[in-house]
Each structure stands twice: as C-alpha cells, then as structure tokens.
C-alpha cells in the first residue's frame, strides 16, 4: 500500500499524462480480471484466437473490406508492435506497387513530422 500511495502521488504532481477517455465500469472489471493472463499466448488461451479473428473482421468492416469474415490481421500487445507491423505492411505494399511499375525499390521514403511517435522512426530505420 505504501508503494501504491507513493507512485499515485508522484503521478499526479509530476505532470504525467492522465487518460482523457472514459470506459464502462464493466470493461474496467473485465480488464482487471485478465491482468494476470497472457492473452497473446494462443496455446494457453485458444479462445483468444477467435476473439482476435472477430475483432480483425470488425475493423476490416469499418474500412469497407469484403464481408466474407476472413480478413487478414493480427492483434498486438502494444502500440509500438502495431506501428512496426503497419510499417512493414506499408513498405511491402509500396515495394509491390513499385515492382509492378518497373521502378526501383531500394530507397523507400517516408516523410514524418517532428511530433511523430518515436517508434515510426525506428520502424523506418530497421531495414524493413
């Protein structure tokens, strides 16, 4: 309890970001119930694969993808992983388009603002 109190006090007075979103109390309870589970481990929690498939198809539907329920996608644990996967997908699509046009594919270029999340720069420089 002392550690919690100390960290809680520091987070309020040291300018740490505070969430500005609201969540249903039931959603908070569901998250709390799964904190000790490694939901990314599909062998230990096989039902997560079906949840992932359904979520991927929900997102695909938002982008007007074909509605056969077989969209391709993955879940990630964090936003950095998501950015790295998005960067890979973007580069591969760019390369495929350039190859089909008979153009060079050895010098991809991405223009980023100075305010971009650091992982975008990392994803560009990893040699993807």
N, C-alpha and C. Protein backbone atom coordinates (compact mmCIF):
# COMPACT_ATOMS: atom_id res chain seq x y z
N UNK A 1 0.82 -1.19 0.00
CA UNK A 1 0.00 0.00 0.00
C UNK A 1 0.87 1.26 0.00
N UNK A 2 2.00 1.23 0.66
CA UNK A 2 2.88 2.40 0.70
C UNK A 2 3.42 2.70 -0.69
N UNK A 3 3.82 1.64 -1.43
CA UNK A 3 4.34 1.85 -2.79
C UNK A 3 3.27 2.45 -3.69
N UNK A 4 2.06 1.93 -3.59
CA UNK A 4 0.96 2.47 -4.40
C UNK A 4 0.74 3.94 -4.07
N UNK A 5 0.66 4.26 -2.81
CA UNK A 5 0.41 5.64 -2.40
C UNK A 5 1.50 6.57 -2.92
N UNK A 6 2.74 6.13 -2.83
CA UNK A 6 3.86 6.94 -3.29
C UNK A 6 3.78 7.17 -4.81
N UNK A 7 3.60 6.10 -5.56
CA UNK A 7 3.52 6.22 -7.02
C UNK A 7 2.31 7.02 -7.47
N UNK A 8 1.19 6.81 -6.79
CA UNK A 8 -0.03 7.54 -7.12
C UNK A 8 0.18 9.04 -6.92
N UNK A 9 0.79 9.42 -5.82
CA UNK A 9 1.06 10.83 -5.53
C UNK A 9 2.01 11.42 -6.55
N UNK A 10 3.07 10.70 -6.88
CA UNK A 10 4.03 11.19 -7.87
C UNK A 10 3.39 11.39 -9.23
N UNK A 11 2.53 10.47 -9.63
CA UNK A 11 1.93 10.56 -10.96
C UNK A 11 1.03 11.79 -11.09
N UNK A 12 0.44 12.22 -10.00
CA UNK A 12 -0.43 13.40 -10.07
C UNK A 12 0.33 14.71 -10.05
N UNK A 13 1.49 14.73 -9.45
CA UNK A 13 2.20 16.00 -9.27
C UNK A 13 3.41 16.17 -10.16
N UNK A 14 3.76 15.20 -10.94
CA UNK A 14 4.94 15.32 -11.80
C UNK A 14 4.59 15.47 -13.27
N UNK A 15 3.39 15.83 -13.55
CA UNK A 15 3.00 16.11 -14.94
C UNK A 15 2.80 14.88 -15.81
N UNK A 16 2.60 13.74 -15.21
CA UNK A 16 2.36 12.54 -16.01
C UNK A 16 1.00 12.66 -16.70
N UNK A 17 0.94 12.15 -17.91
CA UNK A 17 -0.31 12.22 -18.66
C UNK A 17 -1.40 11.43 -17.94
N UNK A 18 -2.59 11.96 -17.99
CA UNK A 18 -3.74 11.27 -17.41
C UNK A 18 -4.70 10.94 -18.54
N UNK A 19 -5.30 9.77 -18.51
CA UNK A 19 -6.22 9.41 -19.59
C UNK A 19 -7.39 10.38 -19.67
N UNK A 20 -7.78 10.65 -20.90
CA UNK A 20 -8.93 11.54 -21.10
C UNK A 20 -10.11 10.79 -21.69
N UNK A 21 -10.02 9.48 -21.67
CA UNK A 21 -11.12 8.67 -22.19
C UNK A 21 -11.88 8.05 -21.03
N UNK A 22 -13.10 7.69 -21.30
CA UNK A 22 -13.95 7.07 -20.29
C UNK A 22 -14.26 5.66 -20.73
N UNK A 23 -14.40 4.77 -19.78
CA UNK A 23 -14.70 3.38 -20.08
C UNK A 23 -15.79 2.89 -19.14
N UNK A 24 -16.64 2.05 -19.66
CA UNK A 24 -17.69 1.45 -18.85
C UNK A 24 -17.05 0.72 -17.66
N UNK A 25 -17.64 0.80 -16.48
CA UNK A 25 -17.10 0.08 -15.32
C UNK A 25 -16.96 -1.43 -15.57
N UNK A 26 -17.89 -2.00 -16.35
CA UNK A 26 -17.81 -3.43 -16.65
C UNK A 26 -16.56 -3.74 -17.47
N UNK A 27 -16.19 -2.85 -18.38
CA UNK A 27 -14.98 -3.05 -19.18
C UNK A 27 -13.75 -2.98 -18.29
N UNK A 28 -13.74 -2.06 -17.34
CA UNK A 28 -12.62 -1.97 -16.40
C UNK A 28 -12.50 -3.25 -15.58
N UNK A 29 -13.65 -3.80 -15.17
CA UNK A 29 -13.61 -5.05 -14.39
C UNK A 29 -13.08 -6.20 -15.23
N UNK A 30 -13.52 -6.27 -16.50
CA UNK A 30 -13.03 -7.34 -17.38
C UNK A 30 -11.51 -7.24 -17.56
N UNK A 31 -11.02 -6.01 -17.73
CA UNK A 31 -9.57 -5.84 -17.86
C UNK A 31 -8.86 -6.27 -16.59
N UNK A 32 -9.39 -5.88 -15.45
CA UNK A 32 -8.77 -6.24 -14.18
C UNK A 32 -8.74 -7.76 -13.98
N UNK A 33 -9.78 -8.45 -14.44
CA UNK A 33 -9.85 -9.90 -14.30
C UNK A 33 -8.82 -10.63 -15.16
N UNK A 34 -8.29 -9.96 -16.18
CA UNK A 34 -7.36 -10.63 -17.09
C UNK A 34 -5.93 -10.10 -16.99
N UNK A 35 -5.64 -9.25 -16.03
CA UNK A 35 -4.29 -8.71 -15.89
C UNK A 35 -3.25 -9.81 -15.73
N UNK A 36 -3.59 -10.88 -15.08
CA UNK A 36 -2.62 -11.94 -14.82
C UNK A 36 -2.57 -13.00 -15.91
N UNK A 37 -3.23 -12.76 -17.02
CA UNK A 37 -3.26 -13.72 -18.12
C UNK A 37 -2.47 -13.18 -19.31
N UNK A 38 -1.76 -14.07 -19.99
CA UNK A 38 -1.01 -13.70 -21.18
C UNK A 38 -1.89 -14.01 -22.39
N UNK A 39 -2.79 -13.09 -22.68
CA UNK A 39 -3.80 -13.34 -23.72
C UNK A 39 -3.20 -13.50 -25.12
N UNK A 40 -1.98 -13.10 -25.32
CA UNK A 40 -1.35 -13.24 -26.63
C UNK A 40 -0.91 -14.69 -26.86
N UNK A 41 -0.87 -15.50 -25.80
CA UNK A 41 -0.48 -16.90 -25.89
C UNK A 41 -1.67 -17.74 -26.34
N UNK A 42 -1.77 -17.98 -27.62
CA UNK A 42 -2.92 -18.68 -28.20
C UNK A 42 -2.95 -20.16 -27.81
N UNK A 43 -1.79 -20.72 -27.43
CA UNK A 43 -1.79 -22.12 -26.99
C UNK A 43 -2.43 -22.27 -25.62
N UNK A 44 -2.12 -21.32 -24.74
CA UNK A 44 -2.68 -21.39 -23.39
C UNK A 44 -4.12 -20.90 -23.34
N UNK A 45 -4.45 -19.93 -24.16
CA UNK A 45 -5.80 -19.35 -24.20
C UNK A 45 -6.34 -19.39 -25.63
N UNK A 46 -6.71 -20.57 -26.15
CA UNK A 46 -7.12 -20.68 -27.56
C UNK A 46 -8.34 -19.84 -27.92
N UNK A 47 -9.18 -19.51 -26.96
CA UNK A 47 -10.36 -18.70 -27.28
C UNK A 47 -9.98 -17.30 -27.73
N UNK A 48 -8.75 -16.87 -27.40
CA UNK A 48 -8.33 -15.53 -27.83
C UNK A 48 -8.15 -15.46 -29.34
N UNK A 49 -7.84 -16.59 -29.98
CA UNK A 49 -7.70 -16.59 -31.43
C UNK A 49 -9.03 -16.24 -32.10
N UNK A 50 -10.12 -16.76 -31.57
CA UNK A 50 -11.45 -16.44 -32.12
C UNK A 50 -11.82 -14.99 -31.84
N UNK A 51 -11.50 -14.51 -30.65
CA UNK A 51 -11.76 -13.10 -30.33
C UNK A 51 -10.96 -12.21 -31.28
N UNK A 52 -9.69 -12.55 -31.50
CA UNK A 52 -8.85 -11.79 -32.43
C UNK A 52 -9.44 -11.79 -33.83
N UNK A 53 -9.86 -12.96 -34.31
CA UNK A 53 -10.45 -13.06 -35.66
C UNK A 53 -11.67 -12.16 -35.78
N UNK A 54 -12.52 -12.18 -34.76
CA UNK A 54 -13.72 -11.35 -34.79
C UNK A 54 -13.37 -9.87 -34.78
N UNK A 55 -12.41 -9.48 -33.95
CA UNK A 55 -12.01 -8.06 -33.87
C UNK A 55 -11.40 -7.59 -35.18
N UNK A 56 -10.55 -8.42 -35.79
CA UNK A 56 -9.95 -8.06 -37.07
C UNK A 56 -11.04 -7.84 -38.11
N UNK A 57 -12.05 -8.69 -38.12
CA UNK A 57 -13.14 -8.53 -39.08
C UNK A 57 -14.00 -7.31 -38.79
N UNK A 58 -14.15 -6.95 -37.53
CA UNK A 58 -14.88 -5.72 -37.19
C UNK A 58 -14.14 -4.51 -37.73
N UNK A 59 -12.83 -4.47 -37.53
CA UNK A 59 -12.03 -3.35 -38.03
C UNK A 59 -12.04 -3.35 -39.56
N UNK A 60 -11.91 -4.51 -40.17
CA UNK A 60 -11.95 -4.60 -41.63
C UNK A 60 -13.27 -4.06 -42.17
N UNK A 61 -14.36 -4.37 -41.49
CA UNK A 61 -15.67 -3.87 -41.89
C UNK A 61 -15.73 -2.34 -41.82
N UNK A 62 -15.07 -1.76 -40.82
CA UNK A 62 -15.04 -0.30 -40.71
C UNK A 62 -14.37 0.34 -41.93
N UNK A 63 -13.46 -0.41 -42.56
CA UNK A 63 -12.75 0.11 -43.73
C UNK A 63 -13.33 -0.45 -45.03
N UNK A 64 -14.57 -0.95 -44.97
CA UNK A 64 -15.30 -1.43 -46.14
C UNK A 64 -14.61 -2.57 -46.87
N UNK A 65 -13.91 -3.44 -46.13
CA UNK A 65 -13.30 -4.62 -46.73
C UNK A 65 -14.41 -5.61 -47.08
N UNK A 66 -14.12 -6.57 -47.96
CA UNK A 66 -15.13 -7.59 -48.26
C UNK A 66 -15.63 -8.24 -46.97
N UNK A 67 -16.90 -8.54 -46.94
CA UNK A 67 -17.53 -9.00 -45.70
C UNK A 67 -17.68 -10.52 -45.62
N UNK A 68 -16.71 -11.26 -46.13
CA UNK A 68 -16.80 -12.72 -46.03
C UNK A 68 -16.32 -13.24 -44.69
N UNK A 69 -15.91 -12.36 -43.79
CA UNK A 69 -15.50 -12.77 -42.46
C UNK A 69 -14.12 -13.40 -42.41
N UNK A 70 -13.30 -13.15 -43.43
CA UNK A 70 -11.98 -13.78 -43.49
C UNK A 70 -10.88 -12.75 -43.73
N UNK A 71 -10.98 -11.60 -43.06
CA UNK A 71 -9.97 -10.55 -43.21
C UNK A 71 -8.65 -11.00 -42.60
N UNK A 72 -7.56 -10.47 -43.11
CA UNK A 72 -6.24 -10.80 -42.60
C UNK A 72 -5.81 -9.71 -41.63
N UNK A 73 -5.32 -10.08 -40.47
CA UNK A 73 -4.85 -9.11 -39.49
C UNK A 73 -4.37 -9.80 -38.24
N UNK A 74 -3.80 -9.03 -37.34
CA UNK A 74 -3.29 -9.58 -36.09
C UNK A 74 -3.60 -8.62 -34.95
N UNK A 75 -3.50 -9.14 -33.76
CA UNK A 75 -3.59 -8.27 -32.59
C UNK A 75 -2.18 -8.06 -32.07
N UNK A 76 -2.00 -6.98 -31.35
CA UNK A 76 -0.71 -6.71 -30.73
C UNK A 76 -0.94 -6.35 -29.28
N UNK A 77 0.11 -6.48 -28.50
CA UNK A 77 0.01 -6.15 -27.09
C UNK A 77 0.17 -4.65 -26.89
N UNK A 78 0.96 -4.01 -27.72
CA UNK A 78 1.21 -2.59 -27.54
C UNK A 78 1.21 -1.82 -28.84
N UNK A 79 1.16 -0.51 -28.73
CA UNK A 79 1.10 0.34 -29.92
C UNK A 79 2.39 0.28 -30.71
N UNK A 80 3.53 0.08 -30.06
CA UNK A 80 4.79 0.00 -30.81
C UNK A 80 4.80 -1.20 -31.73
N UNK A 81 4.29 -2.32 -31.25
CA UNK A 81 4.19 -3.50 -32.11
C UNK A 81 3.28 -3.21 -33.30
N UNK A 82 2.17 -2.55 -33.03
CA UNK A 82 1.22 -2.23 -34.10
C UNK A 82 1.87 -1.33 -35.14
N UNK A 83 2.63 -0.35 -34.69
CA UNK A 83 3.31 0.56 -35.63
C UNK A 83 4.32 -0.20 -36.47
N UNK A 84 5.09 -1.09 -35.84
CA UNK A 84 6.08 -1.86 -36.59
C UNK A 84 5.39 -2.73 -37.65
N UNK A 85 4.28 -3.37 -37.30
CA UNK A 85 3.56 -4.18 -38.27
C UNK A 85 2.96 -3.32 -39.38
N UNK A 86 2.43 -2.17 -39.02
CA UNK A 86 1.89 -1.25 -40.03
C UNK A 86 2.99 -0.78 -40.97
N UNK A 87 4.15 -0.48 -40.41
CA UNK A 87 5.29 -0.05 -41.23
C UNK A 87 5.71 -1.13 -42.21
N UNK A 88 5.74 -2.38 -41.73
CA UNK A 88 6.08 -3.48 -42.63
C UNK A 88 5.06 -3.62 -43.75
N UNK A 89 3.80 -3.59 -43.39
CA UNK A 89 2.74 -3.73 -44.40
C UNK A 89 2.83 -2.61 -45.43
N UNK A 90 3.06 -1.39 -44.94
CA UNK A 90 3.15 -0.25 -45.84
C UNK A 90 4.34 -0.41 -46.79
N UNK A 91 5.48 -0.83 -46.25
CA UNK A 91 6.66 -0.98 -47.10
C UNK A 91 6.46 -2.08 -48.13
N UNK A 92 5.88 -3.20 -47.70
CA UNK A 92 5.68 -4.29 -48.63
C UNK A 92 4.71 -3.91 -49.76
N UNK A 93 3.66 -3.17 -49.42
CA UNK A 93 2.72 -2.72 -50.46
C UNK A 93 3.40 -1.74 -51.40
N UNK A 94 4.19 -0.83 -50.83
CA UNK A 94 4.93 0.14 -51.64
C UNK A 94 5.86 -0.59 -52.60
N UNK A 95 6.62 -1.58 -52.08
CA UNK A 95 7.57 -2.34 -52.89
C UNK A 95 6.85 -3.07 -54.02
N UNK A 96 5.72 -3.70 -53.68
CA UNK A 96 4.96 -4.44 -54.69
C UNK A 96 4.47 -3.50 -55.80
N UNK A 97 3.96 -2.34 -55.40
CA UNK A 97 3.49 -1.38 -56.40
C UNK A 97 4.63 -0.90 -57.28
N UNK A 98 5.77 -0.56 -56.68
CA UNK A 98 6.93 -0.09 -57.45
C UNK A 98 7.43 -1.18 -58.41
N UNK A 99 7.47 -2.43 -57.96
CA UNK A 99 7.91 -3.52 -58.83
C UNK A 99 6.98 -3.68 -60.02
N UNK A 100 5.67 -3.57 -59.77
CA UNK A 100 4.71 -3.73 -60.86
C UNK A 100 4.82 -2.59 -61.87
N UNK A 101 5.34 -1.43 -61.42
CA UNK A 101 5.55 -0.29 -62.31
C UNK A 101 6.95 -0.29 -62.93
N UNK A 102 7.77 -1.29 -62.58
CA UNK A 102 9.12 -1.38 -63.10
C UNK A 102 10.06 -0.33 -62.52
N UNK A 103 9.77 0.15 -61.32
CA UNK A 103 10.58 1.19 -60.69
C UNK A 103 11.45 0.61 -59.59
N UNK A 104 12.48 1.35 -59.21
CA UNK A 104 13.41 0.90 -58.16
C UNK A 104 12.69 0.76 -56.82
N UNK A 105 13.16 -0.18 -56.03
CA UNK A 105 12.57 -0.42 -54.71
C UNK A 105 13.62 -0.35 -53.60
N UNK A 106 14.78 0.19 -53.90
CA UNK A 106 15.86 0.19 -52.92
C UNK A 106 15.91 1.42 -52.03
N UNK A 107 15.05 2.43 -52.28
CA UNK A 107 15.12 3.65 -51.48
C UNK A 107 13.73 4.14 -51.07
N UNK A 108 13.09 3.44 -50.16
CA UNK A 108 11.79 3.92 -49.70
C UNK A 108 11.95 5.24 -48.95
N UNK A 109 10.93 6.04 -48.97
CA UNK A 109 10.99 7.34 -48.32
C UNK A 109 9.68 7.58 -47.57
N UNK A 110 9.82 7.96 -46.31
CA UNK A 110 8.63 8.28 -45.52
C UNK A 110 8.86 9.65 -44.90
N UNK A 111 7.93 10.54 -45.09
CA UNK A 111 8.03 11.88 -44.52
C UNK A 111 7.29 11.88 -43.19
N UNK A 112 7.99 12.26 -42.13
CA UNK A 112 7.42 12.27 -40.79
C UNK A 112 7.53 13.65 -40.19
N UNK A 113 6.54 14.03 -39.40
CA UNK A 113 6.60 15.28 -38.67
C UNK A 113 7.50 15.14 -37.45
N UNK A 114 7.91 16.25 -36.90
CA UNK A 114 8.77 16.20 -35.71
C UNK A 114 7.99 15.72 -34.48
N UNK A 115 6.68 15.70 -34.59
CA UNK A 115 5.84 15.29 -33.47
C UNK A 115 5.41 13.83 -33.54
N UNK A 116 5.99 13.07 -34.44
CA UNK A 116 5.57 11.68 -34.63
C UNK A 116 6.08 10.80 -33.48
N UNK A 117 5.35 9.74 -33.19
CA UNK A 117 5.77 8.80 -32.16
C UNK A 117 7.12 8.20 -32.55
N UNK A 118 8.02 8.08 -31.60
CA UNK A 118 9.40 7.64 -31.85
C UNK A 118 9.47 6.32 -32.60
N UNK A 119 8.54 5.43 -32.35
CA UNK A 119 8.62 4.11 -32.97
C UNK A 119 8.51 4.18 -34.49
N UNK A 120 7.87 5.23 -35.05
CA UNK A 120 7.81 5.35 -36.51
C UNK A 120 9.20 5.51 -37.08
N UNK A 121 10.02 6.33 -36.45
CA UNK A 121 11.40 6.48 -36.92
C UNK A 121 12.14 5.16 -36.80
N UNK A 122 11.92 4.46 -35.71
CA UNK A 122 12.57 3.16 -35.53
C UNK A 122 12.14 2.19 -36.62
N UNK A 123 10.84 2.18 -36.93
CA UNK A 123 10.35 1.24 -37.93
C UNK A 123 10.93 1.54 -39.31
N UNK A 124 11.15 2.79 -39.61
CA UNK A 124 11.71 3.18 -40.89
C UNK A 124 13.18 2.78 -40.98
N UNK A 125 13.89 2.88 -39.87
CA UNK A 125 15.33 2.62 -39.86
C UNK A 125 15.72 1.18 -39.60
N UNK A 126 14.78 0.28 -39.47
CA UNK A 126 15.13 -1.10 -39.16
C UNK A 126 15.49 -1.92 -40.39
N UNK A 127 15.43 -1.33 -41.55
CA UNK A 127 15.75 -2.06 -42.75
C UNK A 127 14.63 -2.96 -43.19
N UNK A 128 13.42 -2.60 -42.80
CA UNK A 128 12.27 -3.42 -43.20
C UNK A 128 12.22 -3.43 -44.69
